[in-house]
Amino acid sequence: MILSPSLLSADFGNLEQTLKDLEKAGISWVHWDVMDGLFVPNITFGQHVIKLLRPKTKLFFDVHLMIEQPERYLEDFKKAGADMLVIHAEATKHIQRTLAEIRRLGMQAGISLNPATPLNVLDYVLDDVDLVLLMSVNPGFGGQSFLPTTYEKVRTLKKMLGNRKCHIQIDGGVTPENTTELTKAGADVLVSGSAFFAHPPFDKRHEAFQKAAI
């Protein structure tokens, strides 16, 4: 299981040190929640912040674009240093074309679904993605409660993927307490914000998640 801590819950005034501390704790991925105030009712950071911090760490930059028409900014985030771009199926009219362009630019491509979005929107793009992100809360703010309907959605997606080499990522209300059931269902990348950053030291909290994983 890969734990990708969400910087949405980190100290925005101390991100460089946070990234260094995550590396020391054995973390390999970090999750950037990019919000535009339109697709979700919140504004966070964009490509300029990511670009400034890219030289400071070797962590895998898992960039989650919660923005309208993400196709407008793919090259900007590539130049900023994103390793993976995850777009929302609900935010673009041309899902397959956008995913193909992300890969053409040399990044891994991911697609995210809000809790009420059915899995059948993935029917014709599963071969175009490296990761599917299932939101287990309604996106926009950290600290929300996990939606239990996510477990069955993960199990169904796992069957849909078959033998494809594609990660299943979960974001929203993820804790060590629900990690066991999530990984048992088929999830292998977990995003955790407040449930991670509010429980230092990072190495011990990382260990707690890993011990809970199946």
N, C-alpha and C. Protein backbone atom coordinates (compact mmCIF):
# COMPACT_ATOMS: atom_id res chain seq x y z
N MET A 1 0.83 -1.19 0.00
CA MET A 1 0.00 0.00 0.00
C MET A 1 0.87 1.25 0.00
N ILE A 2 0.52 2.21 -0.85
CA ILE A 2 1.22 3.49 -0.90
C ILE A 2 0.37 4.52 -0.16
N LEU A 3 0.98 5.20 0.80
CA LEU A 3 0.31 6.29 1.49
C LEU A 3 0.76 7.60 0.87
N SER A 4 -0.22 8.41 0.44
CA SER A 4 0.08 9.69 -0.21
C SER A 4 -0.55 10.81 0.63
N PRO A 5 0.19 11.34 1.61
CA PRO A 5 -0.37 12.37 2.49
C PRO A 5 -0.79 13.61 1.72
N SER A 6 -1.96 14.13 2.05
CA SER A 6 -2.49 15.31 1.38
C SER A 6 -1.99 16.58 2.04
N LEU A 7 -1.30 17.40 1.28
CA LEU A 7 -0.77 18.65 1.80
C LEU A 7 -1.87 19.67 2.11
N LEU A 8 -3.09 19.37 1.74
CA LEU A 8 -4.21 20.23 2.10
C LEU A 8 -4.30 20.41 3.61
N SER A 9 -3.83 19.41 4.35
CA SER A 9 -3.89 19.45 5.81
C SER A 9 -2.55 19.81 6.45
N ALA A 10 -1.57 20.14 5.64
CA ALA A 10 -0.25 20.51 6.16
C ALA A 10 -0.19 22.00 6.47
N ASP A 11 0.90 22.41 7.08
CA ASP A 11 1.15 23.82 7.37
C ASP A 11 1.62 24.50 6.09
N PHE A 12 0.76 25.32 5.47
CA PHE A 12 1.09 25.95 4.19
C PHE A 12 2.31 26.88 4.29
N GLY A 13 2.60 27.36 5.48
CA GLY A 13 3.74 28.25 5.64
C GLY A 13 5.05 27.52 5.85
N ASN A 14 4.99 26.20 5.86
CA ASN A 14 6.20 25.41 6.16
C ASN A 14 6.28 24.18 5.26
N LEU A 15 5.88 24.32 4.00
CA LEU A 15 5.77 23.15 3.12
C LEU A 15 7.12 22.53 2.79
N GLU A 16 8.15 23.33 2.64
CA GLU A 16 9.47 22.77 2.30
C GLU A 16 9.95 21.82 3.40
N GLN A 17 9.83 22.23 4.65
CA GLN A 17 10.25 21.36 5.75
C GLN A 17 9.33 20.15 5.86
N THR A 18 8.05 20.34 5.60
CA THR A 18 7.11 19.22 5.64
C THR A 18 7.51 18.13 4.65
N LEU A 19 7.87 18.53 3.44
CA LEU A 19 8.29 17.56 2.43
C LEU A 19 9.53 16.79 2.87
N LYS A 20 10.47 17.49 3.48
CA LYS A 20 11.68 16.84 3.98
C LYS A 20 11.33 15.85 5.09
N ASP A 21 10.41 16.25 5.97
CA ASP A 21 10.02 15.37 7.07
C ASP A 21 9.29 14.14 6.57
N LEU A 22 8.50 14.30 5.51
CA LEU A 22 7.80 13.14 4.93
C LEU A 22 8.79 12.14 4.35
N GLU A 23 9.80 12.64 3.67
CA GLU A 23 10.84 11.75 3.13
C GLU A 23 11.52 10.97 4.23
N LYS A 24 11.87 11.66 5.31
CA LYS A 24 12.54 11.01 6.44
C LYS A 24 11.66 9.94 7.07
N ALA A 25 10.34 10.12 6.97
CA ALA A 25 9.40 9.17 7.56
C ALA A 25 9.14 7.97 6.66
N GLY A 26 9.80 7.92 5.51
CA GLY A 26 9.64 6.78 4.61
C GLY A 26 8.52 6.92 3.61
N ILE A 27 7.92 8.09 3.53
CA ILE A 27 6.86 8.36 2.56
C ILE A 27 7.49 8.49 1.17
N SER A 28 6.81 7.97 0.14
CA SER A 28 7.34 8.07 -1.22
C SER A 28 6.49 8.95 -2.14
N TRP A 29 5.20 9.11 -1.82
CA TRP A 29 4.29 9.95 -2.60
C TRP A 29 3.79 11.10 -1.72
N VAL A 30 3.41 12.20 -2.38
CA VAL A 30 2.70 13.28 -1.69
C VAL A 30 1.59 13.77 -2.61
N HIS A 31 0.44 14.09 -2.01
CA HIS A 31 -0.78 14.42 -2.75
C HIS A 31 -1.03 15.93 -2.71
N TRP A 32 -1.13 16.51 -3.91
CA TRP A 32 -1.41 17.94 -4.04
C TRP A 32 -2.85 18.12 -4.48
N ASP A 33 -3.68 18.73 -3.63
CA ASP A 33 -5.07 19.00 -3.97
C ASP A 33 -5.16 20.41 -4.55
N VAL A 34 -5.26 20.50 -5.86
CA VAL A 34 -5.33 21.78 -6.56
C VAL A 34 -6.79 22.13 -6.77
N MET A 35 -7.25 23.23 -6.15
CA MET A 35 -8.66 23.62 -6.21
C MET A 35 -8.80 25.03 -6.75
N ASP A 36 -9.83 25.23 -7.58
CA ASP A 36 -9.97 26.51 -8.28
C ASP A 36 -11.12 27.39 -7.79
N GLY A 37 -11.90 26.93 -6.81
CA GLY A 37 -13.02 27.71 -6.33
C GLY A 37 -14.24 27.64 -7.22
N LEU A 38 -14.17 26.88 -8.31
CA LEU A 38 -15.28 26.71 -9.24
C LEU A 38 -15.78 25.26 -9.23
N PHE A 39 -14.88 24.33 -9.53
CA PHE A 39 -15.28 22.92 -9.49
C PHE A 39 -15.59 22.49 -8.06
N VAL A 40 -14.85 23.04 -7.11
CA VAL A 40 -15.11 22.82 -5.68
C VAL A 40 -15.12 24.18 -4.98
N PRO A 41 -15.81 24.30 -3.85
CA PRO A 41 -15.93 25.59 -3.17
C PRO A 41 -14.74 25.90 -2.27
N ASN A 42 -13.56 25.86 -2.84
CA ASN A 42 -12.36 26.16 -2.07
C ASN A 42 -11.24 26.50 -3.04
N ILE A 43 -10.25 27.23 -2.59
CA ILE A 43 -9.07 27.57 -3.39
C ILE A 43 -7.84 27.17 -2.59
N THR A 44 -6.91 26.48 -3.25
CA THR A 44 -5.69 26.07 -2.54
C THR A 44 -4.47 26.63 -3.26
N PHE A 45 -3.62 25.74 -3.75
CA PHE A 45 -2.39 26.15 -4.43
C PHE A 45 -2.44 25.69 -5.88
N GLY A 46 -1.54 26.25 -6.70
CA GLY A 46 -1.50 25.91 -8.11
C GLY A 46 -0.11 25.52 -8.55
N GLN A 47 0.11 25.62 -9.86
CA GLN A 47 1.35 25.14 -10.44
C GLN A 47 2.57 25.93 -9.96
N HIS A 48 2.39 27.19 -9.58
CA HIS A 48 3.54 28.00 -9.17
C HIS A 48 4.14 27.51 -7.85
N VAL A 49 3.29 27.13 -6.92
CA VAL A 49 3.76 26.59 -5.64
C VAL A 49 4.45 25.24 -5.86
N ILE A 50 3.85 24.40 -6.69
CA ILE A 50 4.45 23.10 -6.98
C ILE A 50 5.82 23.27 -7.63
N LYS A 51 5.93 24.20 -8.55
CA LYS A 51 7.20 24.45 -9.24
C LYS A 51 8.29 24.89 -8.26
N LEU A 52 7.93 25.72 -7.29
CA LEU A 52 8.90 26.20 -6.31
C LEU A 52 9.41 25.08 -5.41
N LEU A 53 8.54 24.12 -5.12
CA LEU A 53 8.90 23.06 -4.18
C LEU A 53 9.44 21.80 -4.85
N ARG A 54 9.27 21.68 -6.16
CA ARG A 54 9.76 20.50 -6.87
C ARG A 54 11.26 20.25 -6.65
N PRO A 55 12.12 21.26 -6.69
CA PRO A 55 13.56 21.01 -6.49
C PRO A 55 13.93 20.62 -5.07
N LYS A 56 12.99 20.75 -4.14
CA LYS A 56 13.29 20.54 -2.73
C LYS A 56 13.13 19.09 -2.28
N THR A 57 12.60 18.23 -3.14
CA THR A 57 12.30 16.87 -2.70
C THR A 57 12.31 15.90 -3.87
N LYS A 58 12.50 14.63 -3.56
CA LYS A 58 12.43 13.56 -4.55
C LYS A 58 11.09 12.82 -4.49
N LEU A 59 10.17 13.26 -3.65
CA LEU A 59 8.88 12.61 -3.53
C LEU A 59 8.13 12.60 -4.87
N PHE A 60 7.33 11.57 -5.07
CA PHE A 60 6.47 11.47 -6.25
C PHE A 60 5.33 12.46 -6.07
N PHE A 61 5.17 13.39 -7.03
CA PHE A 61 4.13 14.41 -6.94
C PHE A 61 2.85 13.92 -7.61
N ASP A 62 1.91 13.54 -6.77
CA ASP A 62 0.60 13.04 -7.15
C ASP A 62 -0.35 14.25 -7.12
N VAL A 63 -0.63 14.82 -8.30
CA VAL A 63 -1.34 16.10 -8.39
C VAL A 63 -2.79 15.88 -8.81
N HIS A 64 -3.69 16.22 -7.92
CA HIS A 64 -5.12 16.01 -8.09
C HIS A 64 -5.76 17.34 -8.49
N LEU A 65 -6.18 17.44 -9.76
CA LEU A 65 -6.73 18.68 -10.29
C LEU A 65 -8.24 18.73 -10.07
N MET A 66 -8.65 19.44 -9.05
CA MET A 66 -10.08 19.68 -8.80
C MET A 66 -10.42 21.03 -9.38
N ILE A 67 -10.34 21.10 -10.72
CA ILE A 67 -10.53 22.36 -11.43
C ILE A 67 -11.36 22.13 -12.69
N GLU A 68 -12.08 23.16 -13.10
CA GLU A 68 -12.85 23.09 -14.34
C GLU A 68 -11.91 23.14 -15.55
N GLN A 69 -12.24 22.36 -16.56
CA GLN A 69 -11.47 22.31 -17.80
C GLN A 69 -9.96 22.14 -17.54
N PRO A 70 -9.58 21.05 -16.91
CA PRO A 70 -8.17 20.85 -16.57
C PRO A 70 -7.25 20.79 -17.79
N GLU A 71 -7.82 20.49 -18.96
CA GLU A 71 -7.00 20.40 -20.17
C GLU A 71 -6.28 21.72 -20.48
N ARG A 72 -6.74 22.81 -19.91
CA ARG A 72 -6.10 24.12 -20.14
C ARG A 72 -4.72 24.23 -19.50
N TYR A 73 -4.44 23.39 -18.50
CA TYR A 73 -3.26 23.58 -17.67
C TYR A 73 -2.30 22.38 -17.64
N LEU A 74 -2.52 21.40 -18.49
CA LEU A 74 -1.71 20.18 -18.42
C LEU A 74 -0.22 20.48 -18.59
N GLU A 75 0.12 21.26 -19.59
CA GLU A 75 1.53 21.56 -19.85
C GLU A 75 2.13 22.39 -18.72
N ASP A 76 1.35 23.26 -18.12
CA ASP A 76 1.84 24.06 -16.99
C ASP A 76 2.23 23.18 -15.83
N PHE A 77 1.41 22.18 -15.54
CA PHE A 77 1.73 21.30 -14.42
C PHE A 77 2.87 20.35 -14.75
N LYS A 78 3.01 19.98 -16.00
CA LYS A 78 4.18 19.21 -16.41
C LYS A 78 5.46 20.01 -16.15
N LYS A 79 5.46 21.27 -16.57
CA LYS A 79 6.63 22.13 -16.36
C LYS A 79 6.88 22.38 -14.88
N ALA A 80 5.82 22.35 -14.08
CA ALA A 80 5.96 22.58 -12.64
C ALA A 80 6.59 21.39 -11.92
N GLY A 81 6.50 20.20 -12.55
CA GLY A 81 7.14 19.03 -11.95
C GLY A 81 6.21 17.93 -11.49
N ALA A 82 4.96 17.94 -11.94
CA ALA A 82 4.02 16.87 -11.58
C ALA A 82 4.48 15.55 -12.17
N ASP A 83 4.41 14.49 -11.38
CA ASP A 83 4.70 13.14 -11.88
C ASP A 83 3.43 12.47 -12.39
N MET A 84 2.32 12.79 -11.76
CA MET A 84 1.02 12.26 -12.16
C MET A 84 -0.01 13.38 -12.09
N LEU A 85 -0.89 13.45 -13.09
CA LEU A 85 -2.02 14.36 -13.05
C LEU A 85 -3.30 13.55 -13.00
N VAL A 86 -4.14 13.86 -12.04
CA VAL A 86 -5.44 13.20 -11.89
C VAL A 86 -6.52 14.24 -12.17
N ILE A 87 -7.33 13.97 -13.19
CA ILE A 87 -8.41 14.88 -13.56
C ILE A 87 -9.75 14.30 -13.11
N HIS A 88 -10.75 15.15 -12.96
CA HIS A 88 -12.09 14.67 -12.61
C HIS A 88 -12.90 14.41 -13.86
N ALA A 89 -13.57 13.27 -13.88
CA ALA A 89 -14.45 12.94 -15.01
C ALA A 89 -15.54 13.98 -15.17
N GLU A 90 -15.93 14.61 -14.05
CA GLU A 90 -17.02 15.57 -14.09
C GLU A 90 -16.58 16.95 -14.58
N ALA A 91 -15.27 17.16 -14.75
CA ALA A 91 -14.75 18.51 -15.01
C ALA A 91 -14.32 18.76 -16.45
N THR A 92 -14.38 17.73 -17.29
CA THR A 92 -13.94 17.90 -18.68
C THR A 92 -14.90 17.19 -19.63
N LYS A 93 -15.12 17.79 -20.81
CA LYS A 93 -16.00 17.18 -21.80
C LYS A 93 -15.30 16.10 -22.61
N HIS A 94 -13.97 16.13 -22.62
CA HIS A 94 -13.20 15.22 -23.48
C HIS A 94 -12.22 14.41 -22.61
N ILE A 95 -12.78 13.44 -21.91
CA ILE A 95 -11.99 12.69 -20.93
C ILE A 95 -10.84 11.95 -21.58
N GLN A 96 -11.12 11.15 -22.62
CA GLN A 96 -10.07 10.32 -23.22
C GLN A 96 -8.97 11.19 -23.82
N ARG A 97 -9.35 12.25 -24.51
CA ARG A 97 -8.35 13.12 -25.12
C ARG A 97 -7.45 13.77 -24.08
N THR A 98 -8.04 14.17 -22.96
CA THR A 98 -7.26 14.80 -21.90
C THR A 98 -6.30 13.81 -21.26
N LEU A 99 -6.77 12.59 -21.01
CA LEU A 99 -5.90 11.56 -20.45
C LEU A 99 -4.75 11.23 -21.40
N ALA A 100 -5.05 11.12 -22.69
CA ALA A 100 -4.01 10.83 -23.67
C ALA A 100 -2.97 11.94 -23.72
N GLU A 101 -3.41 13.17 -23.58
CA GLU A 101 -2.48 14.30 -23.61
C GLU A 101 -1.57 14.31 -22.37
N ILE A 102 -2.11 13.94 -21.23
CA ILE A 102 -1.28 13.84 -20.02
C ILE A 102 -0.15 12.85 -20.25
N ARG A 103 -0.48 11.70 -20.81
CA ARG A 103 0.56 10.70 -21.08
C ARG A 103 1.53 11.18 -22.15
N ARG A 104 1.03 11.84 -23.16
CA ARG A 104 1.92 12.35 -24.22
C ARG A 104 2.95 13.33 -23.65
N LEU A 105 2.55 14.06 -22.63
CA LEU A 105 3.45 15.01 -22.00
C LEU A 105 4.47 14.34 -21.07
N GLY A 106 4.32 13.04 -20.86
CA GLY A 106 5.30 12.30 -20.07
C GLY A 106 4.94 12.09 -18.62
N MET A 107 3.69 12.33 -18.28
CA MET A 107 3.23 12.10 -16.90
C MET A 107 2.32 10.88 -16.84
N GLN A 108 2.16 10.32 -15.66
CA GLN A 108 1.15 9.29 -15.48
C GLN A 108 -0.22 9.98 -15.44
N ALA A 109 -1.25 9.26 -15.90
CA ALA A 109 -2.59 9.83 -16.01
C ALA A 109 -3.54 9.14 -15.06
N GLY A 110 -4.32 9.96 -14.34
CA GLY A 110 -5.33 9.42 -13.44
C GLY A 110 -6.66 10.09 -13.66
N ILE A 111 -7.72 9.41 -13.27
CA ILE A 111 -9.07 9.97 -13.35
C ILE A 111 -9.75 9.79 -12.01
N SER A 112 -10.48 10.82 -11.60
CA SER A 112 -11.16 10.81 -10.31
C SER A 112 -12.66 10.88 -10.49
N LEU A 113 -13.38 10.19 -9.59
CA LEU A 113 -14.84 10.19 -9.60
C LEU A 113 -15.36 10.67 -8.25
N ASN A 114 -16.31 11.59 -8.28
CA ASN A 114 -16.98 12.01 -7.06
C ASN A 114 -17.85 10.87 -6.52
N PRO A 115 -18.25 10.92 -5.25
CA PRO A 115 -19.00 9.80 -4.66
C PRO A 115 -20.23 9.37 -5.43
N ALA A 116 -20.97 10.30 -6.01
CA ALA A 116 -22.22 9.95 -6.70
C ALA A 116 -22.02 9.64 -8.18
N THR A 117 -20.80 9.73 -8.67
CA THR A 117 -20.54 9.45 -10.09
C THR A 117 -20.40 7.94 -10.31
N PRO A 118 -21.19 7.35 -11.21
CA PRO A 118 -21.13 5.90 -11.42
C PRO A 118 -19.86 5.47 -12.13
N LEU A 119 -19.49 4.23 -11.91
CA LEU A 119 -18.26 3.70 -12.49
C LEU A 119 -18.34 3.52 -13.99
N ASN A 120 -19.54 3.51 -14.57
CA ASN A 120 -19.62 3.25 -16.01
C ASN A 120 -19.03 4.38 -16.86
N VAL A 121 -18.73 5.52 -16.27
CA VAL A 121 -18.06 6.57 -17.05
C VAL A 121 -16.63 6.15 -17.42
N LEU A 122 -16.15 5.09 -16.78
CA LEU A 122 -14.80 4.60 -17.04
C LEU A 122 -14.74 3.54 -18.14
N ASP A 123 -15.89 3.12 -18.63
CA ASP A 123 -15.96 1.97 -19.53
C ASP A 123 -14.99 2.05 -20.71
N TYR A 124 -14.81 3.22 -21.27
CA TYR A 124 -14.00 3.32 -22.48
C TYR A 124 -12.67 4.04 -22.28
N VAL A 125 -12.24 4.21 -21.00
CA VAL A 125 -10.96 4.88 -20.75
C VAL A 125 -10.04 4.10 -19.82
N LEU A 126 -10.43 2.89 -19.44
CA LEU A 126 -9.61 2.15 -18.48
C LEU A 126 -8.21 1.83 -19.02
N ASP A 127 -8.06 1.76 -20.32
CA ASP A 127 -6.74 1.50 -20.89
C ASP A 127 -5.91 2.78 -21.03
N ASP A 128 -6.49 3.90 -20.67
CA ASP A 128 -5.81 5.19 -20.79
C ASP A 128 -5.35 5.74 -19.44
N VAL A 129 -5.56 4.97 -18.37
CA VAL A 129 -5.24 5.50 -17.04
C VAL A 129 -4.25 4.61 -16.29
N ASP A 130 -3.47 5.26 -15.45
CA ASP A 130 -2.54 4.57 -14.55
C ASP A 130 -3.11 4.48 -13.14
N LEU A 131 -4.17 5.28 -12.88
CA LEU A 131 -4.75 5.32 -11.55
C LEU A 131 -6.20 5.80 -11.65
N VAL A 132 -7.07 5.18 -10.86
CA VAL A 132 -8.43 5.67 -10.68
C VAL A 132 -8.58 6.10 -9.23
N LEU A 133 -8.99 7.35 -9.04
CA LEU A 133 -9.19 7.89 -7.70
C LEU A 133 -10.68 7.94 -7.41
N LEU A 134 -11.09 7.22 -6.38
CA LEU A 134 -12.48 7.27 -5.93
C LEU A 134 -12.56 8.19 -4.72
N MET A 135 -13.32 9.27 -4.86
CA MET A 135 -13.52 10.17 -3.73
C MET A 135 -14.45 9.51 -2.71
N SER A 136 -14.03 9.49 -1.46
CA SER A 136 -14.84 8.90 -0.40
C SER A 136 -15.45 9.98 0.49
N VAL A 137 -15.34 11.22 0.05
CA VAL A 137 -16.09 12.37 0.58
C VAL A 137 -16.40 13.25 -0.63
N ASN A 138 -17.28 14.22 -0.45
CA ASN A 138 -17.50 15.19 -1.51
C ASN A 138 -16.35 16.19 -1.49
N PRO A 139 -15.67 16.40 -2.62
CA PRO A 139 -14.42 17.16 -2.61
C PRO A 139 -14.61 18.64 -2.30
N GLY A 140 -13.54 19.22 -1.73
CA GLY A 140 -13.53 20.65 -1.46
C GLY A 140 -12.88 21.02 -0.16
N PHE A 141 -13.06 20.20 0.87
CA PHE A 141 -12.51 20.53 2.18
C PHE A 141 -12.01 19.27 2.87
N GLY A 142 -10.97 19.42 3.67
CA GLY A 142 -10.45 18.31 4.45
C GLY A 142 -11.27 18.08 5.71
N GLY A 143 -11.03 16.94 6.36
CA GLY A 143 -11.65 16.66 7.64
C GLY A 143 -13.06 16.10 7.59
N GLN A 144 -13.54 15.71 6.40
CA GLN A 144 -14.89 15.17 6.28
C GLN A 144 -14.93 13.68 6.64
N SER A 145 -16.14 13.20 6.95
CA SER A 145 -16.31 11.80 7.32
C SER A 145 -16.36 10.90 6.09
N PHE A 146 -15.75 9.75 6.20
CA PHE A 146 -15.68 8.74 5.15
C PHE A 146 -17.08 8.21 4.82
N LEU A 147 -17.37 8.05 3.52
CA LEU A 147 -18.65 7.49 3.08
C LEU A 147 -18.53 5.98 2.91
N PRO A 148 -19.24 5.17 3.71
CA PRO A 148 -19.11 3.71 3.68
C PRO A 148 -19.45 3.07 2.34
N THR A 149 -20.23 3.75 1.51
CA THR A 149 -20.56 3.19 0.19
C THR A 149 -19.31 3.00 -0.67
N THR A 150 -18.21 3.61 -0.26
CA THR A 150 -16.96 3.50 -1.01
C THR A 150 -16.46 2.06 -1.10
N TYR A 151 -16.65 1.28 -0.06
CA TYR A 151 -16.12 -0.08 -0.05
C TYR A 151 -16.64 -0.90 -1.24
N GLU A 152 -17.94 -0.87 -1.46
CA GLU A 152 -18.52 -1.63 -2.56
C GLU A 152 -18.07 -1.07 -3.91
N LYS A 153 -17.90 0.24 -3.99
CA LYS A 153 -17.44 0.86 -5.23
C LYS A 153 -16.02 0.39 -5.55
N VAL A 154 -15.18 0.26 -4.53
CA VAL A 154 -13.81 -0.24 -4.75
C VAL A 154 -13.85 -1.68 -5.24
N ARG A 155 -14.66 -2.51 -4.61
CA ARG A 155 -14.73 -3.92 -5.02
C ARG A 155 -15.20 -4.05 -6.47
N THR A 156 -16.16 -3.25 -6.85
CA THR A 156 -16.67 -3.30 -8.22
C THR A 156 -15.62 -2.83 -9.21
N LEU A 157 -14.91 -1.75 -8.86
CA LEU A 157 -13.85 -1.23 -9.74
C LEU A 157 -12.74 -2.25 -9.89
N LYS A 158 -12.38 -2.93 -8.82
CA LYS A 158 -11.33 -3.95 -8.88
C LYS A 158 -11.68 -5.02 -9.91
N LYS A 159 -12.92 -5.42 -9.95
CA LYS A 159 -13.36 -6.41 -10.93
C LYS A 159 -13.31 -5.84 -12.34
N MET A 160 -13.71 -4.60 -12.49
CA MET A 160 -13.68 -3.95 -13.81
C MET A 160 -12.27 -3.88 -14.38
N LEU A 161 -11.30 -3.64 -13.53
CA LEU A 161 -9.92 -3.47 -13.99
C LEU A 161 -9.30 -4.79 -14.48
N GLY A 162 -9.77 -5.90 -13.96
CA GLY A 162 -9.23 -7.18 -14.39
C GLY A 162 -7.73 -7.27 -14.15
N ASN A 163 -6.99 -7.58 -15.21
CA ASN A 163 -5.53 -7.73 -15.10
C ASN A 163 -4.77 -6.44 -15.43
N ARG A 164 -5.47 -5.34 -15.61
CA ARG A 164 -4.79 -4.08 -15.92
C ARG A 164 -3.92 -3.63 -14.75
N LYS A 165 -2.77 -3.06 -15.08
CA LYS A 165 -1.90 -2.50 -14.06
C LYS A 165 -2.31 -1.06 -13.80
N CYS A 166 -3.25 -0.92 -12.89
CA CYS A 166 -3.83 0.40 -12.61
C CYS A 166 -4.07 0.51 -11.10
N HIS A 167 -3.59 1.58 -10.51
CA HIS A 167 -3.79 1.81 -9.09
C HIS A 167 -5.24 2.20 -8.80
N ILE A 168 -5.72 1.82 -7.62
CA ILE A 168 -6.99 2.32 -7.10
C ILE A 168 -6.65 3.18 -5.89
N GLN A 169 -6.96 4.46 -6.00
CA GLN A 169 -6.67 5.41 -4.94
C GLN A 169 -7.96 5.87 -4.26
N ILE A 170 -7.90 6.06 -2.95
CA ILE A 170 -9.04 6.54 -2.17
C ILE A 170 -8.64 7.83 -1.47
N ASP A 171 -9.55 8.81 -1.52
CA ASP A 171 -9.27 10.12 -0.93
C ASP A 171 -10.50 10.62 -0.19
N GLY A 172 -10.32 10.86 1.11
CA GLY A 172 -11.40 11.44 1.91
C GLY A 172 -11.74 10.63 3.14
N GLY A 173 -11.41 11.13 4.30
CA GLY A 173 -11.75 10.44 5.54
C GLY A 173 -11.00 9.14 5.75
N VAL A 174 -9.83 8.99 5.12
CA VAL A 174 -9.06 7.76 5.24
C VAL A 174 -8.25 7.77 6.55
N THR A 175 -8.38 6.71 7.32
CA THR A 175 -7.70 6.57 8.61
C THR A 175 -7.13 5.15 8.72
N PRO A 176 -6.28 4.90 9.71
CA PRO A 176 -5.85 3.51 9.92
C PRO A 176 -7.02 2.57 10.20
N GLU A 177 -8.09 3.12 10.78
CA GLU A 177 -9.25 2.29 11.14
C GLU A 177 -10.00 1.76 9.93
N ASN A 178 -10.04 2.50 8.82
CA ASN A 178 -10.72 1.97 7.63
C ASN A 178 -9.75 1.49 6.55
N THR A 179 -8.45 1.59 6.83
CA THR A 179 -7.45 1.14 5.86
C THR A 179 -7.53 -0.35 5.59
N THR A 180 -7.78 -1.13 6.63
CA THR A 180 -7.85 -2.59 6.45
C THR A 180 -8.93 -2.97 5.45
N GLU A 181 -10.12 -2.42 5.63
CA GLU A 181 -11.23 -2.75 4.75
C GLU A 181 -11.02 -2.22 3.33
N LEU A 182 -10.41 -1.05 3.22
CA LEU A 182 -10.15 -0.47 1.90
C LEU A 182 -9.15 -1.29 1.11
N THR A 183 -8.06 -1.68 1.74
CA THR A 183 -7.06 -2.47 1.04
C THR A 183 -7.56 -3.89 0.76
N LYS A 184 -8.37 -4.42 1.64
CA LYS A 184 -8.99 -5.73 1.41
C LYS A 184 -9.89 -5.67 0.18
N ALA A 185 -10.57 -4.55 -0.02
CA ALA A 185 -11.47 -4.39 -1.16
C ALA A 185 -10.71 -4.22 -2.47
N GLY A 186 -9.44 -3.75 -2.39
CA GLY A 186 -8.65 -3.62 -3.61
C GLY A 186 -7.90 -2.31 -3.77
N ALA A 187 -8.08 -1.37 -2.86
CA ALA A 187 -7.36 -0.10 -2.94
C ALA A 187 -5.88 -0.30 -2.61
N ASP A 188 -4.99 0.38 -3.33
CA ASP A 188 -3.56 0.23 -3.04
C ASP A 188 -2.83 1.57 -2.90
N VAL A 189 -3.55 2.70 -3.08
CA VAL A 189 -2.98 4.02 -2.80
C VAL A 189 -4.01 4.78 -1.96
N LEU A 190 -3.60 5.20 -0.78
CA LEU A 190 -4.52 5.90 0.12
C LEU A 190 -4.03 7.31 0.38
N VAL A 191 -4.95 8.25 0.25
CA VAL A 191 -4.66 9.65 0.55
C VAL A 191 -5.21 9.96 1.94
N SER A 192 -4.39 10.55 2.78
CA SER A 192 -4.84 10.93 4.11
C SER A 192 -4.33 12.32 4.43
N GLY A 193 -5.23 13.18 4.90
CA GLY A 193 -4.86 14.55 5.23
C GLY A 193 -4.80 14.77 6.72
N SER A 194 -5.90 15.20 7.31
CA SER A 194 -5.91 15.50 8.74
C SER A 194 -5.65 14.26 9.60
N ALA A 195 -6.09 13.09 9.14
CA ALA A 195 -5.85 11.86 9.91
C ALA A 195 -4.38 11.46 9.91
N PHE A 196 -3.60 12.07 9.03
CA PHE A 196 -2.15 11.84 9.03
C PHE A 196 -1.42 12.98 9.73
N PHE A 197 -1.62 14.20 9.26
CA PHE A 197 -0.82 15.33 9.75
C PHE A 197 -1.14 15.72 11.19
N ALA A 198 -2.31 15.38 11.68
CA ALA A 198 -2.67 15.73 13.06
C ALA A 198 -2.15 14.73 14.08
N HIS A 199 -1.38 13.73 13.59
CA HIS A 199 -0.89 12.68 14.49
C HIS A 199 0.61 12.45 14.31
N PRO A 200 1.44 13.44 14.63
CA PRO A 200 2.89 13.23 14.55
C PRO A 200 3.34 12.27 15.65
N PRO A 201 4.56 11.71 15.51
CA PRO A 201 5.52 11.92 14.41
C PRO A 201 5.11 11.16 13.16
N PHE A 202 5.57 11.66 12.01
CA PHE A 202 5.14 11.12 10.73
C PHE A 202 5.53 9.66 10.55
N ASP A 203 6.69 9.27 11.03
CA ASP A 203 7.13 7.88 10.82
C ASP A 203 6.22 6.90 11.56
N LYS A 204 5.81 7.26 12.76
CA LYS A 204 4.92 6.38 13.52
C LYS A 204 3.53 6.32 12.90
N ARG A 205 3.07 7.46 12.38
CA ARG A 205 1.74 7.47 11.75
C ARG A 205 1.76 6.68 10.45
N HIS A 206 2.84 6.80 9.69
CA HIS A 206 3.01 6.01 8.47
C HIS A 206 2.99 4.53 8.81
N GLU A 207 3.67 4.16 9.86
CA GLU A 207 3.72 2.77 10.30
C GLU A 207 2.34 2.26 10.67
N ALA A 208 1.52 3.11 11.31
CA ALA A 208 0.17 2.71 11.70
C ALA A 208 -0.69 2.39 10.48
N PHE A 209 -0.57 3.19 9.44
CA PHE A 209 -1.31 2.93 8.22
C PHE A 209 -0.83 1.63 7.57
N GLN A 210 0.47 1.45 7.51
CA GLN A 210 1.02 0.25 6.87
C GLN A 210 0.64 -1.03 7.62
N LYS A 211 0.62 -0.95 8.93
CA LYS A 211 0.24 -2.13 9.71
C LYS A 211 -1.23 -2.49 9.50
N ALA A 212 -2.06 -1.48 9.20
CA ALA A 212 -3.47 -1.73 8.99
C ALA A 212 -3.79 -2.26 7.60
N ALA A 213 -2.85 -2.11 6.68
CA ALA A 213 -3.09 -2.52 5.29
C ALA A 213 -3.04 -4.03 5.13
N ILE A 214 -3.85 -4.52 4.20
CA ILE A 214 -3.88 -5.97 3.87
C ILE A 214 -2.98 -6.21 2.67
